[in-house]
Amino acid sequence: SVQAQVLNLMQDLQDRLGVTYLFISHDLAVVDLVCDEVIVLY
């Protein structure tokens, strides 16, 4: 539940301030929600 609040905050800051994110995560649902493009590392 707290994850959703923080992710919504980050998206809101991007909309208002134009911040660019390099978002590193192992949670695919989070990446799907936040990111415009994805790279997969192995």
Full PDB file with SEQRES, HELIX, SHEET, SSBOND, CRYST1, ORIGX, SCALE, CONECT and MASTER records, all heavy atoms in Angstrom:
SEQRES   1 A   42  SER VAL GLN ALA GLN VAL LEU ASN LEU MET GLN ASP LEU          
SEQRES   2 A   42  GLN ASP ARG LEU GLY VAL THR TYR LEU PHE ILE SER HIS          
SEQRES   3 A   42  ASP LEU ALA VAL VAL ASP LEU VAL CYS ASP GLU VAL ILE          
SEQRES   4 A   42  VAL LEU TYR                                                  
HELIX    1 AA1 VAL A    2  LEU A   17  1                                  16    
HELIX    2 AA2 LEU A   28  VAL A   34  1                                   7    
CRYST1    1.000    1.000    1.000  90.00  90.00  90.00 P 1           1          
ORIGX1      1.000000  0.000000  0.000000        0.00000                         
ORIGX2      0.000000  1.000000  0.000000        0.00000                         
ORIGX3      0.000000  0.000000  1.000000        0.00000                         
SCALE1      1.000000  0.000000  0.000000        0.00000                         
SCALE2      0.000000  1.000000  0.000000        0.00000                         
SCALE3      0.000000  0.000000  1.000000        0.00000                         
ATOM      1  N   SER A   1       0.823  -1.205   0.000  1.00  0.00           N  
ATOM      2  CA  SER A   1       0.000   0.000   0.000  1.00  0.00           C  
ATOM      3  C   SER A   1       0.860   1.258   0.000  1.00  0.00           C  
ATOM      4  O   SER A   1       0.536   2.252  -0.661  1.00  0.00           O  
ATOM      5  CB  SER A   1      -0.926   0.002   1.221  1.00  0.00           C  
ATOM      6  OG  SER A   1      -0.167  -0.045   2.425  1.00  0.00           O  
ATOM      7  N   VAL A   2       1.986   1.217   0.715  1.00  0.00           N  
ATOM      8  CA  VAL A   2       2.896   2.362   0.747  1.00  0.00           C  
ATOM      9  C   VAL A   2       3.631   2.491  -0.582  1.00  0.00           C  
ATOM     10  O   VAL A   2       3.910   3.602  -1.040  1.00  0.00           O  
ATOM     11  CB  VAL A   2       3.885   2.218   1.914  1.00  0.00           C  
ATOM     12  CG1 VAL A   2       4.817   3.414   1.995  1.00  0.00           C  
ATOM     13  CG2 VAL A   2       3.132   2.053   3.227  1.00  0.00           C  
ATOM     14  N   GLN A   3       3.938   1.355  -1.224  1.00  0.00           N  
ATOM     15  CA  GLN A   3       4.565   1.394  -2.543  1.00  0.00           C  
ATOM     16  C   GLN A   3       3.727   2.212  -3.519  1.00  0.00           C  
ATOM     17  O   GLN A   3       4.245   3.044  -4.271  1.00  0.00           O  
ATOM     18  CB  GLN A   3       4.747  -0.019  -3.085  1.00  0.00           C  
ATOM     19  CG  GLN A   3       5.846  -0.821  -2.430  1.00  0.00           C  
ATOM     20  CD  GLN A   3       6.019  -2.181  -3.087  1.00  0.00           C  
ATOM     21  OE1 GLN A   3       5.484  -2.444  -4.157  1.00  0.00           O  
ATOM     22  NE2 GLN A   3       6.770  -3.061  -2.445  1.00  0.00           N  
ATOM     23  N   ALA A   4       2.419   1.976  -3.512  1.00  0.00           N  
ATOM     24  CA  ALA A   4       1.536   2.696  -4.433  1.00  0.00           C  
ATOM     25  C   ALA A   4       1.594   4.193  -4.188  1.00  0.00           C  
ATOM     26  O   ALA A   4       1.625   4.993  -5.147  1.00  0.00           O  
ATOM     27  CB  ALA A   4       0.103   2.178  -4.278  1.00  0.00           C  
ATOM     28  N   GLN A   5       1.653   4.606  -2.924  1.00  0.00           N  
ATOM     29  CA  GLN A   5       1.723   6.035  -2.613  1.00  0.00           C  
ATOM     30  C   GLN A   5       3.015   6.652  -3.142  1.00  0.00           C  
ATOM     31  O   GLN A   5       3.002   7.730  -3.741  1.00  0.00           O  
ATOM     32  CB  GLN A   5       1.632   6.234  -1.102  1.00  0.00           C  
ATOM     33  CG  GLN A   5       0.313   5.785  -0.483  1.00  0.00           C  
ATOM     34  CD  GLN A   5       0.336   5.876   1.034  1.00  0.00           C  
ATOM     35  OE1 GLN A   5       1.219   6.517   1.609  1.00  0.00           O  
ATOM     36  NE2 GLN A   5      -0.617   5.226   1.686  1.00  0.00           N  
ATOM     37  N   VAL A   6       4.141   5.971  -2.941  1.00  0.00           N  
ATOM     38  CA  VAL A   6       5.429   6.503  -3.384  1.00  0.00           C  
ATOM     39  C   VAL A   6       5.501   6.545  -4.909  1.00  0.00           C  
ATOM     40  O   VAL A   6       5.985   7.523  -5.498  1.00  0.00           O  
ATOM     41  CB  VAL A   6       6.580   5.669  -2.798  1.00  0.00           C  
ATOM     42  CG1 VAL A   6       7.918   6.112  -3.384  1.00  0.00           C  
ATOM     43  CG2 VAL A   6       6.600   5.786  -1.282  1.00  0.00           C  
ATOM     44  N   LEU A   7       5.004   5.507  -5.574  1.00  0.00           N  
ATOM     45  CA  LEU A   7       5.027   5.484  -7.040  1.00  0.00           C  
ATOM     46  C   LEU A   7       4.130   6.572  -7.618  1.00  0.00           C  
ATOM     47  O   LEU A   7       4.492   7.223  -8.610  1.00  0.00           O  
ATOM     48  CB  LEU A   7       4.594   4.110  -7.546  1.00  0.00           C  
ATOM     49  CG  LEU A   7       5.551   2.955  -7.233  1.00  0.00           C  
ATOM     50  CD1 LEU A   7       4.934   1.630  -7.653  1.00  0.00           C  
ATOM     51  CD2 LEU A   7       6.888   3.162  -7.927  1.00  0.00           C  
ATOM     52  N   ASN A   8       2.974   6.776  -7.022  1.00  0.00           N  
ATOM     53  CA  ASN A   8       2.097   7.864  -7.477  1.00  0.00           C  
ATOM     54  C   ASN A   8       2.773   9.211  -7.293  1.00  0.00           C  
ATOM     55  O   ASN A   8       2.644  10.113  -8.144  1.00  0.00           O  
ATOM     56  CB  ASN A   8       0.768   7.821  -6.723  1.00  0.00           C  
ATOM     57  CG  ASN A   8      -0.097   6.657  -7.140  1.00  0.00           C  
ATOM     58  OD1 ASN A   8       0.032   6.129  -8.249  1.00  0.00           O  
ATOM     59  ND2 ASN A   8      -0.992   6.223  -6.259  1.00  0.00           N  
ATOM     60  N   LEU A   9       3.493   9.373  -6.197  1.00  0.00           N  
ATOM     61  CA  LEU A   9       4.222  10.609  -5.957  1.00  0.00           C  
ATOM     62  C   LEU A   9       5.281  10.824  -7.040  1.00  0.00           C  
ATOM     63  O   LEU A   9       5.413  11.932  -7.579  1.00  0.00           O  
ATOM     64  CB  LEU A   9       4.883  10.557  -4.576  1.00  0.00           C  
ATOM     65  CG  LEU A   9       5.908  11.655  -4.283  1.00  0.00           C  
ATOM     66  CD1 LEU A   9       5.236  13.017  -4.275  1.00  0.00           C  
ATOM     67  CD2 LEU A   9       6.617  11.389  -2.957  1.00  0.00           C  
ATOM     68  N   MET A  10       6.046   9.777  -7.374  1.00  0.00           N  
ATOM     69  CA  MET A  10       7.097   9.913  -8.374  1.00  0.00           C  
ATOM     70  C   MET A  10       6.515  10.267  -9.744  1.00  0.00           C  
ATOM     71  O   MET A  10       7.076  11.088 -10.476  1.00  0.00           O  
ATOM     72  CB  MET A  10       7.913   8.622  -8.450  1.00  0.00           C  
ATOM     73  CG  MET A  10       8.671   8.305  -7.165  1.00  0.00           C  
ATOM     74  SD  MET A  10       9.648   6.776  -7.234  1.00  0.00           S  
ATOM     75  CE  MET A  10      10.952   7.262  -8.364  1.00  0.00           C  
ATOM     76  N   GLN A  11       5.390   9.662 -10.104  1.00  0.00           N  
ATOM     77  CA  GLN A  11       4.749   9.993 -11.372  1.00  0.00           C  
ATOM     78  C   GLN A  11       4.224  11.419 -11.369  1.00  0.00           C  
ATOM     79  O   GLN A  11       4.328  12.134 -12.372  1.00  0.00           O  
ATOM     80  CB  GLN A  11       3.618   9.003 -11.651  1.00  0.00           C  
ATOM     81  CG  GLN A  11       4.100   7.606 -12.003  1.00  0.00           C  
ATOM     82  CD  GLN A  11       2.955   6.677 -12.340  1.00  0.00           C  
ATOM     83  OE1 GLN A  11       2.086   6.412 -11.502  1.00  0.00           O  
ATOM     84  NE2 GLN A  11       2.930   6.190 -13.555  1.00  0.00           N  
ATOM     85  N   ASP A  12       3.675  11.849 -10.248  1.00  0.00           N  
ATOM     86  CA  ASP A  12       3.173  13.225 -10.144  1.00  0.00           C  
ATOM     87  C   ASP A  12       4.313  14.223 -10.268  1.00  0.00           C  
ATOM     88  O   ASP A  12       4.177  15.256 -10.941  1.00  0.00           O  
ATOM     89  CB  ASP A  12       2.440  13.395  -8.815  1.00  0.00           C  
ATOM     90  CG  ASP A  12       1.894  14.800  -8.641  1.00  0.00           C  
ATOM     91  OD1 ASP A  12       1.088  15.226  -9.493  1.00  0.00           O  
ATOM     92  OD2 ASP A  12       2.268  15.481  -7.662  1.00  0.00           O  
ATOM     93  N   LEU A  13       5.456  13.935  -9.652  1.00  0.00           N  
ATOM     94  CA  LEU A  13       6.604  14.824  -9.757  1.00  0.00           C  
ATOM     95  C   LEU A  13       7.119  14.887 -11.195  1.00  0.00           C  
ATOM     96  O   LEU A  13       7.553  15.952 -11.659  1.00  0.00           O  
ATOM     97  CB  LEU A  13       7.712  14.344  -8.816  1.00  0.00           C  
ATOM     98  CG  LEU A  13       7.434  14.474  -7.316  1.00  0.00           C  
ATOM     99  CD1 LEU A  13       8.524  13.786  -6.516  1.00  0.00           C  
ATOM    100  CD2 LEU A  13       7.313  15.934  -6.909  1.00  0.00           C  
ATOM    101  N   GLN A  14       7.066  13.773 -11.888  1.00  0.00           N  
ATOM    102  CA  GLN A  14       7.494  13.779 -13.289  1.00  0.00           C  
ATOM    103  C   GLN A  14       6.563  14.632 -14.138  1.00  0.00           C  
ATOM    104  O   GLN A  14       7.007  15.393 -15.004  1.00  0.00           O  
ATOM    105  CB  GLN A  14       7.542  12.350 -13.828  1.00  0.00           C  
ATOM    106  CG  GLN A  14       8.108  12.253 -15.235  1.00  0.00           C  
ATOM    107  CD  GLN A  14       8.264  10.825 -15.703  1.00  0.00           C  
ATOM    108  OE1 GLN A  14       7.338  10.029 -15.603  1.00  0.00           O  
ATOM    109  NE2 GLN A  14       9.438  10.482 -16.209  1.00  0.00           N  
ATOM    110  N   ASP A  15       5.252  14.522 -13.892  1.00  0.00           N  
ATOM    111  CA  ASP A  15       4.295  15.324 -14.653  1.00  0.00           C  
ATOM    112  C   ASP A  15       4.457  16.811 -14.372  1.00  0.00           C  
ATOM    113  O   ASP A  15       4.347  17.639 -15.287  1.00  0.00           O  
ATOM    114  CB  ASP A  15       2.863  14.881 -14.318  1.00  0.00           C  
ATOM    115  CG  ASP A  15       2.558  13.467 -14.771  1.00  0.00           C  
ATOM    116  OD1 ASP A  15       3.255  12.989 -15.687  1.00  0.00           O  
ATOM    117  OD2 ASP A  15       1.645  12.840 -14.213  1.00  0.00           O  
ATOM    118  N   ARG A  16       4.720  17.173 -13.115  1.00  0.00           N  
ATOM    119  CA  ARG A  16       4.788  18.584 -12.737  1.00  0.00           C  
ATOM    120  C   ARG A  16       6.152  19.213 -13.014  1.00  0.00           C  
ATOM    121  O   ARG A  16       6.242  20.369 -13.411  1.00  0.00           O  
ATOM    122  CB  ARG A  16       4.448  18.752 -11.249  1.00  0.00           C  
ATOM    123  CG  ARG A  16       2.982  18.544 -10.929  1.00  0.00           C  
ATOM    124  CD  ARG A  16       2.641  19.034  -9.531  1.00  0.00           C  
ATOM    125  NE  ARG A  16       3.162  18.133  -8.495  1.00  0.00           N  
ATOM    126  CZ  ARG A  16       4.023  18.506  -7.575  1.00  0.00           C  
ATOM    127  NH1 ARG A  16       4.494  19.739  -7.544  1.00  0.00           N  
ATOM    128  NH2 ARG A  16       4.436  17.635  -6.653  1.00  0.00           N  
ATOM    129  N   LEU A  17       7.230  18.438 -12.800  1.00  0.00           N  
ATOM    130  CA  LEU A  17       8.573  19.002 -12.862  1.00  0.00           C  
ATOM    131  C   LEU A  17       9.384  18.513 -14.059  1.00  0.00           C  
ATOM    132  O   LEU A  17      10.480  19.013 -14.294  1.00  0.00           O  
ATOM    133  CB  LEU A  17       9.332  18.672 -11.569  1.00  0.00           C  
ATOM    134  CG  LEU A  17       8.650  19.091 -10.256  1.00  0.00           C  
ATOM    135  CD1 LEU A  17       9.482  18.640  -9.064  1.00  0.00           C  
ATOM    136  CD2 LEU A  17       8.430  20.587 -10.219  1.00  0.00           C  
ATOM    137  N   GLY A  18       8.873  17.514 -14.785  1.00  0.00           N  
ATOM    138  CA  GLY A  18       9.611  16.994 -15.930  1.00  0.00           C  
ATOM    139  C   GLY A  18      10.835  16.186 -15.567  1.00  0.00           C  
ATOM    140  O   GLY A  18      11.801  16.115 -16.345  1.00  0.00           O  
ATOM    141  N   VAL A  19      10.815  15.547 -14.395  1.00  0.00           N  
ATOM    142  CA  VAL A  19      11.969  14.757 -13.946  1.00  0.00           C  
ATOM    143  C   VAL A  19      12.114  13.510 -14.819  1.00  0.00           C  
ATOM    144  O   VAL A  19      11.126  12.891 -15.221  1.00  0.00           O  
ATOM    145  CB  VAL A  19      11.805  14.347 -12.469  1.00  0.00           C  
ATOM    146  CG1 VAL A  19      12.997  13.527 -11.996  1.00  0.00           C  
ATOM    147  CG2 VAL A  19      11.631  15.583 -11.597  1.00  0.00           C  
ATOM    148  N   THR A  20      13.357  13.151 -15.118  1.00  0.00           N  
ATOM    149  CA  THR A  20      13.673  11.931 -15.855  1.00  0.00           C  
ATOM    150  C   THR A  20      14.108  10.861 -14.856  1.00  0.00           C  
ATOM    151  O   THR A  20      14.886  11.142 -13.945  1.00  0.00           O  
ATOM    152  CB  THR A  20      14.808  12.193 -16.858  1.00  0.00           C  
ATOM    153  OG1 THR A  20      14.432  13.275 -17.710  1.00  0.00           O  
ATOM    154  CG2 THR A  20      15.093  10.960 -17.699  1.00  0.00           C  
ATOM    155  N   TYR A  21      13.611   9.624 -15.042  1.00  0.00           N  
ATOM    156  CA  TYR A  21      13.924   8.543 -14.099  1.00  0.00           C  
ATOM    157  C   TYR A  21      14.680   7.415 -14.790  1.00  0.00           C  
ATOM    158  O   TYR A  21      14.311   6.985 -15.884  1.00  0.00           O  
ATOM    159  CB  TYR A  21      12.645   7.944 -13.504  1.00  0.00           C  
ATOM    160  CG  TYR A  21      11.893   8.842 -12.554  1.00  0.00           C  
ATOM    161  CD1 TYR A  21      10.572   9.196 -12.802  1.00  0.00           C  
ATOM    162  CD2 TYR A  21      12.485   9.330 -11.395  1.00  0.00           C  
ATOM    163  CE1 TYR A  21       9.868  10.009 -11.936  1.00  0.00           C  
ATOM    164  CE2 TYR A  21      11.794  10.152 -10.524  1.00  0.00           C  
ATOM    165  CZ  TYR A  21      10.489  10.487 -10.792  1.00  0.00           C  
ATOM    166  OH  TYR A  21       9.792  11.296  -9.935  1.00  0.00           O  
ATOM    167  N   LEU A  22      15.739   6.955 -14.128  1.00  0.00           N  
ATOM    168  CA  LEU A  22      16.330   5.649 -14.423  1.00  0.00           C  
ATOM    169  C   LEU A  22      15.891   4.765 -13.275  1.00  0.00           C  
ATOM    170  O   LEU A  22      16.396   4.886 -12.156  1.00  0.00           O  
ATOM    171  CB  LEU A  22      17.850   5.725 -14.517  1.00  0.00           C  
ATOM    172  CG  LEU A  22      18.572   4.404 -14.811  1.00  0.00           C  
ATOM    173  CD1 LEU A  22      18.159   3.860 -16.173  1.00  0.00           C  
ATOM    174  CD2 LEU A  22      20.088   4.573 -14.739  1.00  0.00           C  
ATOM    175  N   PHE A  23      14.929   3.883 -13.529  1.00  0.00           N  
ATOM    176  CA  PHE A  23      14.227   3.166 -12.467  1.00  0.00           C  
ATOM    177  C   PHE A  23      14.688   1.720 -12.462  1.00  0.00           C  
ATOM    178  O   PHE A  23      14.440   0.970 -13.408  1.00  0.00           O  
ATOM    179  CB  PHE A  23      12.720   3.239 -12.719  1.00  0.00           C  
ATOM    180  CG  PHE A  23      11.881   2.958 -11.520  1.00  0.00           C  
ATOM    181  CD1 PHE A  23      11.375   3.986 -10.741  1.00  0.00           C  
ATOM    182  CD2 PHE A  23      11.591   1.656 -11.155  1.00  0.00           C  
ATOM    183  CE1 PHE A  23      10.596   3.721  -9.623  1.00  0.00           C  
ATOM    184  CE2 PHE A  23      10.817   1.377 -10.046  1.00  0.00           C  
ATOM    185  CZ  PHE A  23      10.317   2.419  -9.279  1.00  0.00           C  
ATOM    186  N   ILE A  24      15.380   1.338 -11.386  1.00  0.00           N  
ATOM    187  CA  ILE A  24      15.934  -0.005 -11.272  1.00  0.00           C  
ATOM    188  C   ILE A  24      15.067  -0.811 -10.325  1.00  0.00           C  
ATOM    189  O   ILE A  24      14.800  -0.384  -9.200  1.00  0.00           O  
ATOM    190  CB  ILE A  24      17.386   0.059 -10.762  1.00  0.00           C  
ATOM    191  CG1 ILE A  24      18.256   0.769 -11.802  1.00  0.00           C  
ATOM    192  CG2 ILE A  24      17.930  -1.326 -10.468  1.00  0.00           C  
ATOM    193  CD1 ILE A  24      19.650   1.079 -11.325  1.00  0.00           C  
ATOM    194  N   SER A  25      14.617  -1.968 -10.780  1.00  0.00           N  
ATOM    195  CA  SER A  25      13.713  -2.766  -9.958  1.00  0.00           C  
ATOM    196  C   SER A  25      13.718  -4.213 -10.423  1.00  0.00           C  
ATOM    197  O   SER A  25      14.060  -4.512 -11.572  1.00  0.00           O  
ATOM    198  CB  SER A  25      12.291  -2.199 -10.037  1.00  0.00           C  
ATOM    199  OG  SER A  25      11.386  -2.963  -9.271  1.00  0.00           O  
ATOM    200  N   HIS A  26      13.337  -5.110  -9.497  1.00  0.00           N  
ATOM    201  CA  HIS A  26      13.094  -6.500  -9.872  1.00  0.00           C  
ATOM    202  C   HIS A  26      11.592  -6.775  -9.955  1.00  0.00           C  
ATOM    203  O   HIS A  26      11.188  -7.869 -10.344  1.00  0.00           O  
ATOM    204  CB  HIS A  26      13.718  -7.440  -8.845  1.00  0.00           C  
ATOM    205  CG  HIS A  26      13.063  -7.373  -7.500  1.00  0.00           C  
ATOM    206  ND1 HIS A  26      13.412  -6.436  -6.558  1.00  0.00           N  
ATOM    207  CD2 HIS A  26      12.057  -8.091  -6.949  1.00  0.00           C  
ATOM    208  CE1 HIS A  26      12.655  -6.588  -5.487  1.00  0.00           C  
ATOM    209  NE2 HIS A  26      11.830  -7.592  -5.699  1.00  0.00           N  
ATOM    210  N   ASP A  27      10.783  -5.785  -9.604  1.00  0.00           N  
ATOM    211  CA  ASP A  27       9.326  -5.930  -9.602  1.00  0.00           C  
ATOM    212  C   ASP A  27       8.781  -5.486 -10.962  1.00  0.00           C  
ATOM    213  O   ASP A  27       8.768  -4.295 -11.283  1.00  0.00           O  
ATOM    214  CB  ASP A  27       8.724  -5.088  -8.476  1.00  0.00           C  
ATOM    215  CG  ASP A  27       7.252  -5.401  -8.244  1.00  0.00           C  
ATOM    216  OD1 ASP A  27       6.543  -5.721  -9.221  1.00  0.00           O  
ATOM    217  OD2 ASP A  27       6.803  -5.308  -7.089  1.00  0.00           O  
ATOM    218  N   LEU A  28       8.345  -6.428 -11.764  1.00  0.00           N  
ATOM    219  CA  LEU A  28       7.903  -6.118 -13.116  1.00  0.00           C  
ATOM    220  C   LEU A  28       6.639  -5.273 -13.130  1.00  0.00           C  
ATOM    221  O   LEU A  28       6.444  -4.449 -14.016  1.00  0.00           O  
ATOM    222  CB  LEU A  28       7.682  -7.423 -13.893  1.00  0.00           C  
ATOM    223  CG  LEU A  28       8.914  -8.325 -13.997  1.00  0.00           C  
ATOM    224  CD1 LEU A  28       8.570  -9.606 -14.725  1.00  0.00           C  
ATOM    225  CD2 LEU A  28      10.049  -7.611 -14.702  1.00  0.00           C  
ATOM    226  N   ALA A  29       5.755  -5.471 -12.157  1.00  0.00           N  
ATOM    227  CA  ALA A  29       4.528  -4.676 -12.109  1.00  0.00           C  
ATOM    228  C   ALA A  29       4.844  -3.205 -11.872  1.00  0.00           C  
ATOM    229  O   ALA A  29       4.209  -2.316 -12.455  1.00  0.00           O  
ATOM    230  CB  ALA A  29       3.610  -5.213 -11.015  1.00  0.00           C  
ATOM    231  N   VAL A  30       5.838  -2.937 -11.034  1.00  0.00           N  
ATOM    232  CA  VAL A  30       6.243  -1.562 -10.766  1.00  0.00           C  
ATOM    233  C   VAL A  30       6.821  -0.919 -12.018  1.00  0.00           C  
ATOM    234  O   VAL A  30       6.503   0.217 -12.371  1.00  0.00           O  
ATOM    235  CB  VAL A  30       7.266  -1.532  -9.608  1.00  0.00           C  
ATOM    236  CG1 VAL A  30       7.913  -0.160  -9.489  1.00  0.00           C  
ATOM    237  CG2 VAL A  30       6.589  -1.910  -8.300  1.00  0.00           C  
ATOM    238  N   VAL A  31       7.674  -1.635 -12.714  1.00  0.00           N  
ATOM    239  CA  VAL A  31       8.284  -1.118 -13.941  1.00  0.00           C  
ATOM    240  C   VAL A  31       7.217  -0.857 -15.006  1.00  0.00           C  
ATOM    241  O   VAL A  31       7.251   0.152 -15.706  1.00  0.00           O  
ATOM    242  CB  VAL A  31       9.349  -2.105 -14.457  1.00  0.00           C  
ATOM    243  CG1 VAL A  31       9.851  -1.690 -15.826  1.00  0.00           C  
ATOM    244  CG2 VAL A  31      10.510  -2.177 -13.471  1.00  0.00           C  
ATOM    245  N   ASP A  32       6.252  -1.752 -15.113  1.00  0.00           N  
ATOM    246  CA  ASP A  32       5.170  -1.590 -16.079  1.00  0.00           C  
ATOM    247  C   ASP A  32       4.371  -0.331 -15.796  1.00  0.00           C  
ATOM    248  O   ASP A  32       3.915   0.362 -16.705  1.00  0.00           O  
ATOM    249  CB  ASP A  32       4.256  -2.825 -16.027  1.00  0.00           C  
ATOM    250  CG  ASP A  32       3.252  -2.856 -17.167  1.00  0.00           C  
ATOM    251  OD1 ASP A  32       3.449  -2.124 -18.159  1.00  0.00           O  
ATOM    252  OD2 ASP A  32       2.266  -3.593 -17.058  1.00  0.00           O  
ATOM    253  N   LEU A  33       4.218   0.008 -14.526  1.00  0.00           N  
ATOM    254  CA  LEU A  33       3.437   1.174 -14.141  1.00  0.00           C  
ATOM    255  C   LEU A  33       4.173   2.478 -14.392  1.00  0.00           C  
ATOM    256  O   LEU A  33       3.576   3.463 -14.822  1.00  0.00           O  
ATOM    257  CB  LEU A  33       3.060   1.067 -12.659  1.00  0.00           C  
ATOM    258  CG  LEU A  33       2.299   2.243 -12.034  1.00  0.00           C  
ATOM    259  CD1 LEU A  33       0.909   2.358 -12.646  1.00  0.00           C  
ATOM    260  CD2 LEU A  33       2.207   2.092 -10.528  1.00  0.00           C  
ATOM    261  N   VAL A  34       5.490   2.492 -14.150  1.00  0.00           N  
ATOM    262  CA  VAL A  34       6.240   3.743 -14.104  1.00  0.00           C  
ATOM    263  C   VAL A  34       6.957   4.072 -15.405  1.00  0.00           C  
ATOM    264  O   VAL A  34       7.072   5.251 -15.772  1.00  0.00           O  
ATOM    265  CB  VAL A  34       7.253   3.696 -12.935  1.00  0.00           C  
ATOM    266  CG1 VAL A  34       8.148   4.923 -12.933  1.00  0.00           C  
ATOM    267  CG2 VAL A  34       6.521   3.559 -11.605  1.00  0.00           C  
ATOM    268  N   CYS A  35       7.433   3.074 -16.143  1.00  0.00           N  
ATOM    269  CA  CYS A  35       8.442   3.296 -17.183  1.00  0.00           C  
ATOM    270  C   CYS A  35       7.857   3.336 -18.591  1.00  0.00           C  
ATOM    271  O   CYS A  35       6.888   2.663 -18.906  1.00  0.00           O  
ATOM    272  CB  CYS A  35       9.524   2.224 -17.096  1.00  0.00           C  
ATOM    273  SG  CYS A  35      10.365   2.214 -15.506  1.00  0.00           S  
ATOM    274  N   ASP A  36       8.536   4.123 -19.447  1.00  0.00           N  
ATOM    275  CA  ASP A  36       8.189   4.206 -20.864  1.00  0.00           C  
ATOM    276  C   ASP A  36       8.912   3.141 -21.679  1.00  0.00           C  
ATOM    277  O   ASP A  36       8.437   2.726 -22.732  1.00  0.00           O  
ATOM    278  CB  ASP A  36       8.558   5.593 -21.424  1.00  0.00           C  
ATOM    279  CG  ASP A  36       7.924   6.716 -20.633  1.00  0.00           C  
ATOM    280  OD1 ASP A  36       6.694   6.688 -20.446  1.00  0.00           O  
ATOM    281  OD2 ASP A  36       8.654   7.623 -20.198  1.00  0.00           O  
ATOM    282  N   GLU A  37      10.090   2.740 -21.210  1.00  0.00           N  
ATOM    283  CA  GLU A  37      10.901   1.741 -21.901  1.00  0.00           C  
ATOM    284  C   GLU A  37      11.612   0.896 -20.859  1.00  0.00           C  
ATOM    285  O   GLU A  37      11.861   1.353 -19.741  1.00  0.00           O  
ATOM    286  CB  GLU A  37      11.911   2.414 -22.837  1.00  0.00           C  
ATOM    287  CG  GLU A  37      12.612   1.458 -23.789  1.00  0.00           C  
ATOM    288  CD  GLU A  37      13.468   2.182 -24.818  1.00  0.00           C  
ATOM    289  OE1 GLU A  37      13.595   3.413 -24.712  1.00  0.00           O  
ATOM    290  OE2 GLU A  37      14.010   1.518 -25.717  1.00  0.00           O  
ATOM    291  N   VAL A  38      11.966  -0.335 -21.235  1.00  0.00           N  
ATOM    292  CA  VAL A  38      12.575  -1.274 -20.291  1.00  0.00           C  
ATOM    293  C   VAL A  38      13.760  -1.959 -20.967  1.00  0.00           C  
ATOM    294  O   VAL A  38      13.701  -2.311 -22.147  1.00  0.00           O  
ATOM    295  CB  VAL A  38      11.561  -2.343 -19.830  1.00  0.00           C  
ATOM    296  CG1 VAL A  38      12.202  -3.286 -18.816  1.00  0.00           C  
ATOM    297  CG2 VAL A  38      10.317  -1.697 -19.236  1.00  0.00           C  
ATOM    298  N   ILE A  39      14.843  -2.125 -20.202  1.00  0.00           N  
ATOM    299  CA  ILE A  39      15.923  -3.001 -20.639  1.00  0.00           C  
ATOM    300  C   ILE A  39      16.043  -4.136 -19.624  1.00  0.00           C  
ATOM    301  O   ILE A  39      15.852  -3.928 -18.424  1.00  0.00           O  
ATOM    302  CB  ILE A  39      17.268  -2.266 -20.803  1.00  0.00           C  
ATOM    303  CG1 ILE A  39      17.744  -1.670 -19.476  1.00  0.00           C  
ATOM    304  CG2 ILE A  39      17.190  -1.211 -21.870  1.00  0.00           C  
ATOM    305  CD1 ILE A  39      19.149  -1.067 -19.566  1.00  0.00           C  
ATOM    306  N   VAL A  40      16.336  -5.323 -20.126  1.00  0.00           N  
ATOM    307  CA  VAL A  40      16.464  -6.518 -19.286  1.00  0.00           C  
ATOM    308  C   VAL A  40      17.936  -6.901 -19.238  1.00  0.00           C  
ATOM    309  O   VAL A  40      18.566  -7.106 -20.283  1.00  0.00           O  
ATOM    310  CB  VAL A  40      15.626  -7.686 -19.841  1.00  0.00           C  
ATOM    311  CG1 VAL A  40      15.742  -8.900 -18.931  1.00  0.00           C  
ATOM    312  CG2 VAL A  40      14.174  -7.270 -19.998  1.00  0.00           C  
ATOM    313  N   LEU A  41      18.492  -6.977 -18.020  1.00  0.00           N  
ATOM    314  CA  LEU A  41      19.892  -7.343 -17.830  1.00  0.00           C  
ATOM    315  C   LEU A  41      20.000  -8.792 -17.384  1.00  0.00           C  
ATOM    316  O   LEU A  41      19.227  -9.251 -16.539  1.00  0.00           O  
ATOM    317  CB  LEU A  41      20.549  -6.456 -16.773  1.00  0.00           C  
ATOM    318  CG  LEU A  41      20.923  -5.016 -17.131  1.00  0.00           C  
ATOM    319  CD1 LEU A  41      21.655  -4.372 -15.960  1.00  0.00           C  
ATOM    320  CD2 LEU A  41      21.790  -4.956 -18.370  1.00  0.00           C  
ATOM    321  N   TYR A  42      20.972  -9.492 -17.955  1.00  0.00           N  
ATOM    322  CA  TYR A  42      21.322 -10.832 -17.479  1.00  0.00           C  
ATOM    323  C   TYR A  42      22.830 -10.964 -17.499  1.00  0.00           C  
ATOM    324  O   TYR A  42      23.467 -10.815 -18.547  1.00  0.00           O  
ATOM    325  CB  TYR A  42      20.688 -11.915 -18.354  1.00  0.00           C  
ATOM    326  CG  TYR A  42      20.989 -13.319 -17.848  1.00  0.00           C  
ATOM    327  CD1 TYR A  42      20.387 -13.794 -16.693  1.00  0.00           C  
ATOM    328  CD2 TYR A  42      21.893 -14.143 -18.509  1.00  0.00           C  
ATOM    329  CE1 TYR A  42      20.668 -15.065 -16.210  1.00  0.00           C  
ATOM    330  CE2 TYR A  42      22.178 -15.416 -18.036  1.00  0.00           C  
ATOM    331  CZ  TYR A  42      21.568 -15.872 -16.887  1.00  0.00           C  
ATOM    332  OH  TYR A  42      21.859 -17.127 -16.398  1.00  0.00           O  
TER     333      TYR A  42                                                      
MASTER        0    0    0    2    0    0    0    6  332    1    0    4          
END                                                                             
